[in-house]
Protein backbone atom coordinates (compact mmCIF):
# COMPACT_ATOMS: atom_id res chain seq x y z
CA UNK A 1 -49.12 -103.84 -19.76
CA UNK A 2 -48.71 -101.19 -22.47
CA UNK A 3 -51.35 -100.21 -24.99
CA UNK A 4 -49.97 -99.64 -28.45
CA UNK A 5 -52.20 -97.28 -30.40
CA UNK A 6 -52.38 -96.68 -34.13
CA UNK A 7 -54.37 -93.59 -35.17
CA UNK A 8 -55.93 -93.45 -38.64
CA UNK A 9 -56.99 -90.00 -39.75
CA UNK A 10 -53.96 -87.73 -39.64
CA UNK A 11 -55.64 -85.00 -41.65
CA UNK A 12 -58.67 -83.75 -39.72
CA UNK A 13 -58.95 -82.15 -36.29
CA UNK A 14 -60.14 -85.04 -34.08
CA UNK A 15 -56.92 -87.01 -34.52
CA UNK A 16 -54.79 -84.13 -33.29
CA UNK A 17 -56.97 -83.75 -30.20
CA UNK A 18 -56.78 -87.51 -29.64
CA UNK A 19 -52.98 -87.40 -29.83
CA UNK A 20 -52.95 -84.53 -27.34
CA UNK A 21 -55.18 -86.33 -24.83
CA UNK A 22 -53.30 -89.61 -25.01
CA UNK A 23 -49.96 -87.81 -24.76
CA UNK A 24 -51.02 -85.74 -21.74
CA UNK A 25 -53.35 -88.17 -19.94
CA UNK A 26 -52.64 -91.78 -20.84
CA UNK A 27 -48.90 -92.02 -21.45
CA UNK A 28 -47.69 -90.89 -18.03
CA UNK A 29 -44.95 -92.88 -16.33
CA UNK A 30 -47.12 -93.57 -13.27
CA UNK A 31 -50.04 -94.79 -15.38
CA UNK A 32 -50.78 -98.47 -14.68
CA UNK A 33 -51.36 -99.15 -18.38
CA UNK A 34 -49.53 -96.42 -20.27
CA UNK A 35 -50.74 -95.84 -23.82
CA UNK A 36 -48.08 -95.64 -26.49
CA UNK A 37 -48.85 -94.03 -29.84
CA UNK A 38 -46.75 -96.07 -32.22
CA UNK A 39 -48.28 -95.00 -35.49
CA UNK A 40 -50.26 -92.21 -37.15
CA UNK A 41 -51.38 -92.26 -40.78
CA UNK A 42 -53.39 -90.27 -43.27
CA UNK A 43 -54.75 -91.74 -46.50
CA UNK A 44 -51.33 -91.83 -48.20
CA UNK A 45 -48.52 -91.58 -45.65
CA UNK A 46 -47.60 -92.73 -42.15
CA UNK A 47 -45.10 -92.38 -39.31
CA UNK A 48 -44.23 -95.50 -37.31
CA UNK A 49 -42.11 -96.53 -34.34
CA UNK A 50 -42.73 -99.92 -32.71
CA UNK A 51 -42.00 -98.60 -29.21
CA UNK A 52 -43.31 -95.02 -29.20
CA UNK A 53 -43.31 -92.11 -31.59
CA UNK A 54 -40.61 -89.60 -30.73
CA UNK A 55 -41.67 -86.98 -28.21
CA UNK A 56 -40.79 -84.09 -30.51
CA UNK A 57 -43.05 -85.49 -33.27
CA UNK A 58 -46.00 -85.81 -30.88
CA UNK A 59 -45.40 -82.34 -29.52
CA UNK A 60 -45.42 -80.91 -33.03
CA UNK A 61 -48.61 -82.80 -33.87
CA UNK A 62 -50.34 -81.29 -30.84
CA UNK A 63 -49.56 -77.78 -32.09
CA UNK A 64 -51.06 -76.06 -35.10
CA UNK A 65 -51.97 -78.11 -38.14
CA UNK A 66 -49.30 -76.51 -40.35
CA UNK A 67 -46.52 -77.46 -37.92
CA UNK A 68 -47.86 -81.00 -37.69
CA UNK A 69 -47.84 -81.27 -41.47
CA UNK A 70 -44.24 -80.01 -41.58
CA UNK A 71 -43.22 -82.68 -39.09
CA UNK A 72 -44.93 -85.30 -41.20
CA UNK A 73 -43.10 -84.17 -44.30
CA UNK A 74 -39.77 -84.75 -42.55
CA UNK A 75 -40.62 -88.16 -41.09
CA UNK A 76 -43.40 -89.95 -42.92
CA UNK A 77 -43.35 -92.74 -45.49
CA UNK A 78 -45.77 -93.43 -48.32
CA UNK A 79 -47.99 -96.49 -48.78
CA UNK A 80 -50.42 -97.55 -51.51
CA UNK A 81 -53.03 -99.61 -49.71
CA UNK A 82 -54.41 -99.51 -46.17
CA UNK A 83 -53.99 -103.25 -45.66
CA UNK A 84 -50.24 -102.70 -46.08
CA UNK A 85 -50.33 -101.17 -42.60
CA UNK A 86 -51.63 -104.45 -41.21
CA UNK A 87 -48.84 -106.34 -42.93
CA UNK A 88 -46.27 -104.08 -41.25
CA UNK A 89 -47.83 -104.77 -37.85
CA UNK A 90 -47.26 -108.49 -38.39
CA UNK A 91 -43.70 -107.93 -39.62
CA UNK A 92 -42.97 -106.07 -36.38
CA UNK A 93 -44.36 -109.01 -34.36
CA UNK A 94 -47.08 -106.80 -32.85
CA UNK A 95 -50.14 -108.70 -34.04
CA UNK A 96 -52.72 -108.77 -31.24
CA UNK A 97 -51.10 -105.90 -29.32
CA UNK A 98 -52.37 -102.86 -31.24
CA UNK A 99 -55.58 -100.84 -30.86
CA UNK A 100 -56.45 -99.00 -34.06
CA UNK A 101 -58.41 -95.76 -33.70
CA UNK A 102 -60.29 -94.79 -36.88
CA UNK A 103 -61.21 -91.10 -36.67
CA UNK A 104 -61.57 -90.65 -40.43
CA UNK A 105 -64.59 -90.06 -42.65
CA UNK A 106 -63.23 -92.38 -45.35
CA UNK A 107 -65.62 -94.73 -47.08
CA UNK A 108 -65.09 -97.80 -49.26
CA UNK A 109 -61.39 -98.24 -48.48
CA UNK A 110 -62.16 -98.32 -44.75
CA UNK A 111 -64.73 -101.09 -45.13
CA UNK A 112 -62.09 -103.38 -46.62
CA UNK A 113 -59.60 -102.37 -43.94
CA UNK A 114 -62.01 -102.98 -41.06
CA UNK A 115 -63.00 -106.40 -42.38
CA UNK A 116 -59.40 -107.45 -43.01
CA UNK A 117 -58.30 -106.29 -39.57
CA UNK A 118 -61.04 -108.36 -37.96
CA UNK A 119 -60.60 -111.49 -40.09
CA UNK A 120 -56.84 -111.64 -40.68
CA UNK A 121 -55.31 -110.19 -37.50
CA UNK A 122 -55.80 -110.36 -33.74
CA UNK A 123 -55.74 -106.59 -33.26
CA UNK A 124 -58.47 -104.25 -32.02
CA UNK A 125 -60.39 -101.36 -33.58
CA UNK A 126 -62.29 -98.42 -32.07
CA UNK A 127 -64.07 -96.39 -34.73
CA UNK A 128 -65.82 -93.03 -34.81
CA UNK A 129 -66.34 -93.50 -38.55
CA UNK A 130 -69.98 -94.26 -39.37
CA UNK A 131 -69.44 -95.25 -43.00
CA UNK A 132 -68.27 -98.89 -42.80
CA UNK A 133 -71.20 -99.94 -40.58
CA UNK A 134 -73.93 -97.90 -42.28
CA UNK A 135 -73.28 -97.33 -46.00
CA UNK A 136 -72.53 -100.93 -46.94
CA UNK A 137 -74.50 -104.15 -46.84
CA UNK A 138 -76.05 -105.56 -43.69
CA UNK A 139 -73.91 -108.69 -44.08
CA UNK A 140 -70.77 -106.56 -43.65
CA UNK A 141 -72.24 -105.00 -40.51
CA UNK A 142 -73.14 -108.37 -39.02
CA UNK A 143 -69.72 -109.79 -39.70
CA UNK A 144 -67.73 -106.96 -38.16
CA UNK A 145 -69.92 -106.39 -35.11
CA UNK A 146 -69.94 -110.10 -34.28
CA UNK A 147 -66.40 -109.46 -32.99
CA UNK A 148 -67.64 -106.91 -30.45
CA UNK A 149 -64.78 -107.55 -27.99
CA UNK A 150 -62.32 -106.39 -30.67
CA UNK A 151 -64.47 -103.99 -32.72
CA UNK A 152 -66.22 -101.07 -31.04
CA UNK A 153 -68.55 -98.56 -32.69
CA UNK A 154 -70.06 -96.75 -29.69
CA UNK A 155 -68.50 -93.44 -30.64
CA UNK A 156 -70.47 -93.31 -33.91
CA UNK A 157 -73.91 -92.38 -32.50
CA UNK A 158 -74.76 -90.08 -29.56
CA UNK A 159 -71.68 -91.40 -27.75
CA UNK A 160 -72.29 -89.48 -24.49
CA UNK A 161 -75.72 -91.02 -24.06
CA UNK A 162 -74.51 -94.62 -24.57
CA UNK A 163 -77.48 -95.18 -26.87
CA UNK A 164 -75.89 -98.08 -28.75
CA UNK A 165 -75.25 -99.84 -25.46
CA UNK A 166 -78.90 -99.36 -24.46
CA UNK A 167 -80.25 -100.62 -27.80
CA UNK A 168 -77.90 -103.62 -27.80
CA UNK A 169 -78.83 -104.62 -24.26
CA UNK A 170 -82.57 -104.40 -24.91
CA UNK A 171 -82.55 -106.12 -28.30
CA UNK A 172 -79.76 -108.65 -27.77
CA UNK A 173 -79.45 -109.42 -24.07
CA UNK A 174 -83.08 -109.48 -22.89
CA UNK A 175 -84.98 -109.74 -26.20
CA UNK A 176 -86.97 -106.54 -25.56
CA UNK A 177 -87.93 -105.68 -29.15
CA UNK A 178 -87.07 -102.14 -30.24
CA UNK A 179 -90.27 -100.90 -31.88
CA UNK A 180 -89.66 -97.18 -32.34
CA UNK A 181 -86.82 -94.65 -32.13
CA UNK A 182 -87.27 -91.00 -33.02
CA UNK A 183 -85.62 -87.70 -32.23
CA UNK A 184 -82.98 -85.20 -33.28
CA UNK A 185 -79.65 -86.63 -34.35
CA UNK A 186 -77.53 -83.73 -35.55
CA UNK A 187 -76.17 -81.13 -33.19
CA UNK A 188 -75.19 -79.01 -36.21
CA UNK A 189 -78.73 -78.91 -37.60
CA UNK A 190 -80.08 -78.53 -34.07
CA UNK A 191 -77.99 -75.41 -33.58
CA UNK A 192 -79.02 -73.92 -36.94
CA UNK A 193 -82.73 -74.46 -36.35
CA UNK A 194 -82.55 -73.25 -32.72
CA UNK A 195 -80.96 -70.02 -33.90
CA UNK A 196 -83.49 -69.72 -36.72
CA UNK A 197 -86.46 -69.90 -34.35
CA UNK A 198 -85.29 -66.66 -32.67
CA UNK A 199 -86.13 -64.85 -35.95
CA UNK A 200 -83.04 -62.64 -35.54
CA UNK A 201 -80.76 -63.88 -38.37
CA UNK A 202 -81.11 -65.32 -41.84
CA UNK A 203 -80.54 -68.99 -42.53
CA UNK A 204 -77.37 -68.37 -44.57
CA UNK A 205 -75.90 -66.12 -41.84
CA UNK A 206 -76.54 -68.80 -39.19
CA UNK A 207 -74.82 -71.42 -41.38
CA UNK A 208 -71.85 -69.06 -41.80
CA UNK A 209 -71.59 -68.52 -38.03
CA UNK A 210 -71.93 -72.26 -37.38
CA UNK A 211 -68.97 -72.95 -39.65
CA UNK A 212 -66.92 -70.18 -38.02
CA UNK A 213 -67.61 -71.77 -34.61
CA UNK A 214 -66.54 -75.15 -36.02
CA UNK A 215 -70.05 -76.53 -35.51
CA UNK A 216 -70.07 -77.89 -39.07
CA UNK A 217 -67.91 -80.12 -41.22
CA UNK A 218 -65.33 -78.27 -43.38
CA UNK A 219 -67.94 -78.50 -46.14
CA UNK A 220 -71.27 -77.57 -44.45
CA UNK A 221 -73.17 -79.49 -47.13
CA UNK A 222 -72.04 -82.67 -45.35
CA UNK A 223 -74.21 -81.59 -42.40
CA UNK A 224 -77.08 -79.98 -44.31
CA UNK A 225 -77.77 -82.97 -46.51
CA UNK A 226 -79.56 -86.01 -45.11
CA UNK A 227 -76.69 -88.52 -45.11
CA UNK A 228 -75.20 -87.96 -41.65
CA UNK A 229 -78.56 -88.37 -39.90
CA UNK A 230 -79.52 -91.33 -42.09
CA UNK A 231 -76.26 -93.16 -41.32
CA UNK A 232 -76.92 -92.86 -37.58
CA UNK A 233 -80.48 -94.10 -38.05
CA UNK A 234 -79.25 -97.12 -40.03
CA UNK A 235 -76.72 -97.98 -37.32
CA UNK A 236 -79.40 -97.87 -34.61
CA UNK A 237 -81.81 -99.94 -36.71
CA UNK A 238 -79.13 -102.55 -37.36
CA UNK A 239 -78.23 -102.76 -33.68
CA UNK A 240 -81.96 -103.25 -33.07
CA UNK A 241 -81.72 -106.42 -35.21
CA UNK A 242 -83.37 -105.07 -38.36
CA UNK A 243 -81.86 -105.95 -41.74
CA UNK A 244 -81.84 -102.51 -43.39
CA UNK A 245 -79.62 -100.64 -45.84
CA UNK A 246 -79.12 -96.94 -46.49
CA UNK A 247 -81.44 -97.13 -49.53
CA UNK A 248 -84.32 -97.99 -47.17
CA UNK A 249 -84.33 -94.51 -45.60
CA UNK A 250 -86.95 -92.07 -46.88
CA UNK A 251 -85.20 -88.70 -46.92
CA UNK A 252 -85.94 -85.01 -47.14
CA UNK A 253 -82.69 -83.01 -47.31
CA UNK A 254 -82.50 -79.80 -45.32
CA UNK A 255 -81.68 -77.98 -48.57
CA UNK A 256 -81.82 -79.14 -52.22
CA UNK A 257 -79.18 -81.38 -53.77
CA UNK A 258 -78.15 -78.65 -56.23
CA UNK A 259 -75.72 -77.23 -53.63
CA UNK A 260 -73.75 -80.47 -53.37
CA UNK A 261 -70.46 -79.64 -55.10
CA UNK A 262 -70.09 -75.92 -54.41
CA UNK A 263 -66.99 -74.56 -52.67
CA UNK A 264 -67.48 -72.63 -49.43
CA UNK A 265 -67.82 -69.05 -50.72
CA UNK A 266 -69.98 -70.13 -53.64
CA UNK A 267 -72.00 -72.37 -51.31
CA UNK A 268 -72.61 -69.55 -48.84
CA UNK A 269 -73.74 -67.18 -51.58
CA UNK A 270 -75.95 -69.79 -53.23
CA UNK A 271 -77.85 -70.83 -50.09
CA UNK A 272 -79.05 -67.25 -49.62
CA UNK A 273 -81.77 -68.40 -52.02
CA UNK A 274 -83.13 -70.44 -49.09
CA UNK A 275 -83.30 -67.51 -46.62
CA UNK A 276 -86.91 -66.53 -47.39
CA UNK A 277 -88.09 -70.14 -47.29
CA UNK A 278 -86.64 -70.76 -43.82
CA UNK A 279 -87.79 -67.36 -42.55
CA UNK A 280 -91.36 -68.18 -43.55
CA UNK A 281 -91.12 -71.69 -42.05
CA UNK A 282 -89.83 -70.31 -38.74
CA UNK A 283 -92.50 -67.58 -38.59
CA UNK A 284 -95.26 -70.07 -39.37
CA UNK A 285 -94.02 -72.44 -36.67
CA UNK A 286 -93.90 -69.65 -34.10
CA UNK A 287 -97.44 -68.54 -34.97
CA UNK A 288 -98.62 -72.11 -34.33
CA UNK A 289 -96.61 -72.36 -31.07
CA UNK A 290 -94.22 -74.81 -32.69
CA UNK A 291 -90.51 -75.00 -33.52
CA UNK A 292 -88.59 -76.50 -36.44
CA UNK A 293 -86.56 -79.67 -35.95
CA UNK A 294 -84.75 -81.99 -38.36
CA UNK A 295 -86.15 -85.34 -37.28
CA UNK A 296 -85.33 -88.98 -37.79
CA UNK A 297 -87.70 -91.82 -37.09
CA UNK A 298 -87.64 -95.61 -37.09
CA UNK A 299 -90.88 -97.41 -36.33
CA UNK A 300 -92.80 -100.58 -37.05
CA UNK A 301 -95.95 -100.05 -39.14
CA UNK A 302 -97.99 -103.21 -39.71
CA UNK A 303 -94.90 -105.27 -38.88
CA UNK A 304 -92.83 -103.42 -41.48
CA UNK A 305 -89.97 -101.13 -40.47
CA UNK A 306 -90.11 -97.57 -41.80
CA UNK A 307 -87.13 -95.19 -41.69
CA UNK A 308 -87.43 -91.48 -42.39
CA UNK A 309 -85.48 -88.21 -41.94
CA UNK A 310 -87.15 -84.85 -42.59
CA UNK A 311 -87.72 -81.29 -41.35
CA UNK A 312 -90.84 -80.84 -39.23
CA UNK A 313 -92.61 -78.42 -36.91
CA UNK A 314 -93.09 -79.90 -33.44
CA UNK A 315 -95.47 -78.70 -30.69
CA UNK A 316 -94.24 -76.83 -27.63
CA UNK A 317 -95.27 -79.59 -25.22
CA UNK A 318 -93.12 -82.30 -26.85
CA UNK A 319 -89.73 -83.60 -25.73
CA UNK A 320 -88.29 -82.37 -29.02
CA UNK A 321 -89.45 -78.80 -28.35
CA UNK A 322 -87.36 -78.63 -25.15
CA UNK A 323 -84.11 -79.11 -27.08
CA UNK A 324 -81.89 -76.10 -27.51
CA UNK A 325 -78.63 -75.31 -29.25
CA UNK A 326 -76.58 -78.38 -30.07
CA UNK A 327 -78.42 -80.97 -27.95
CA UNK A 328 -79.47 -84.35 -29.35
CA UNK A 329 -82.41 -86.46 -28.20
CA UNK A 330 -83.74 -89.95 -28.80
CA UNK A 331 -87.10 -91.35 -27.68
CA UNK A 332 -87.01 -95.16 -27.64
CA UNK A 333 -90.03 -97.44 -27.39
CA UNK A 334 -89.66 -101.17 -26.83
CA UNK A 335 -92.02 -104.04 -26.10
CA UNK A 336 -91.88 -103.07 -22.42
CA UNK A 337 -90.89 -99.38 -22.52
CA UNK A 338 -93.56 -97.51 -24.44
CA UNK A 339 -96.00 -94.62 -24.22
CA UNK A 340 -96.74 -93.07 -21.81
CA UNK A 341 -93.31 -94.00 -20.43
CA UNK A 342 -90.82 -94.43 -23.28
CA UNK A 343 -87.08 -94.26 -22.66
CA UNK A 344 -85.75 -90.74 -23.35
CA UNK A 345 -82.04 -90.20 -23.99
CA UNK A 346 -80.56 -86.72 -24.25
CA UNK A 347 -76.97 -85.66 -24.80
CA UNK A 348 -74.90 -82.60 -25.62
CA UNK A 349 -72.92 -82.05 -28.77
CA UNK A 350 -69.75 -84.01 -29.51
CA UNK A 351 -67.02 -81.41 -29.85
CA UNK A 352 -63.46 -82.40 -30.75
CA UNK A 353 -62.37 -82.84 -27.15
CA UNK A 354 -65.32 -85.02 -26.21
CA UNK A 355 -65.15 -87.11 -29.37
CA UNK A 356 -61.49 -87.82 -28.63
CA UNK A 357 -62.39 -88.56 -25.01
CA UNK A 358 -65.03 -91.07 -26.13
CA UNK A 359 -62.52 -92.87 -28.35
CA UNK A 360 -60.14 -93.11 -25.37
CA UNK A 361 -62.92 -94.57 -23.20
CA UNK A 362 -63.47 -97.45 -25.60
CA UNK A 363 -59.76 -97.96 -26.14
CA UNK A 364 -59.42 -98.38 -22.37
CA UNK A 365 -62.25 -100.93 -22.34
CA UNK A 366 -60.18 -103.14 -24.65
CA UNK A 367 -57.42 -103.58 -22.10
CA UNK A 368 -56.79 -107.28 -21.36
CA UNK A 369 -58.64 -108.59 -18.30
CA UNK A 370 -60.31 -105.17 -17.91
CA UNK A 371 -57.32 -103.93 -15.89
CA UNK A 372 -58.17 -100.58 -14.32
CA UNK A 373 -56.11 -97.43 -14.85
CA UNK A 374 -55.57 -94.64 -12.43
């Protein structure tokens, strides 16, 4: 049994790591279920081979980004609409045999693609893209996730801690109502605030170093605004069986919205205006034996769900205080698991290699009859 894999997202860094891992780990001759990458695509162009992409193309993709782009230029074809890719799958008589891996950050166009893949084909989809299941209406979420044997989203939130699995099992399988989830949900912001509490560097310098270490998105504003954390909170709330939308989240951005559209150098210079503010916040927290954390919280108040993300000082004896560097943490309370013994989930940061690994895990789970690999 072969797995045919189609990777969406041939423009960022995760897709290249995913190609490398599949090529080196999952496509070996002695593998019981060898994975075959038949297709890679960015938002405008694609390369396709119904059996397996040529070895030299994959080898070039694994190398530096510029060389991968050169290989694309020689081999790829253009397309106008994502659903055209699904039509080609059917023309090649591969419907029901392909696992799509969405490692993009695309938005509206991916929602349509995900829904069409689920409704009009028999293929499978593993996604690390939070947008289709968080930014759009709850009805879209319910529809897509109802096909959970063909549509997997576990890589979208604290993948290493299996938090979506835990929430689904409690809320869906045994009807243990999820009443509260709170914690730290961004390893990027966790790193920045952990460095800030040392009182050794300015806020803007820490952001600069975080980007140089690849701890941030290419545009650091995408991490420093509230949206990434809010999307994860919405996904968890929806898996907890609450009908919520992104507009329901009360937000406090890490820094003001005025920095939204600045390019990197301009952005870095501009956020120096925030250095004194964060220095004072960190000093005040230390004086009070506290540390700064960017928190998210979902809880029931008088039978009404409240969702909030904000920056806060937390006491030294809390679970959140013990976090360091890029760690994430979630404290979950249910009807049966609550104070003084809530369920605490902690995980490390999701670097490129581990994000790609997580996608491969869920691709493997979609093998027919759960056939094991070696």
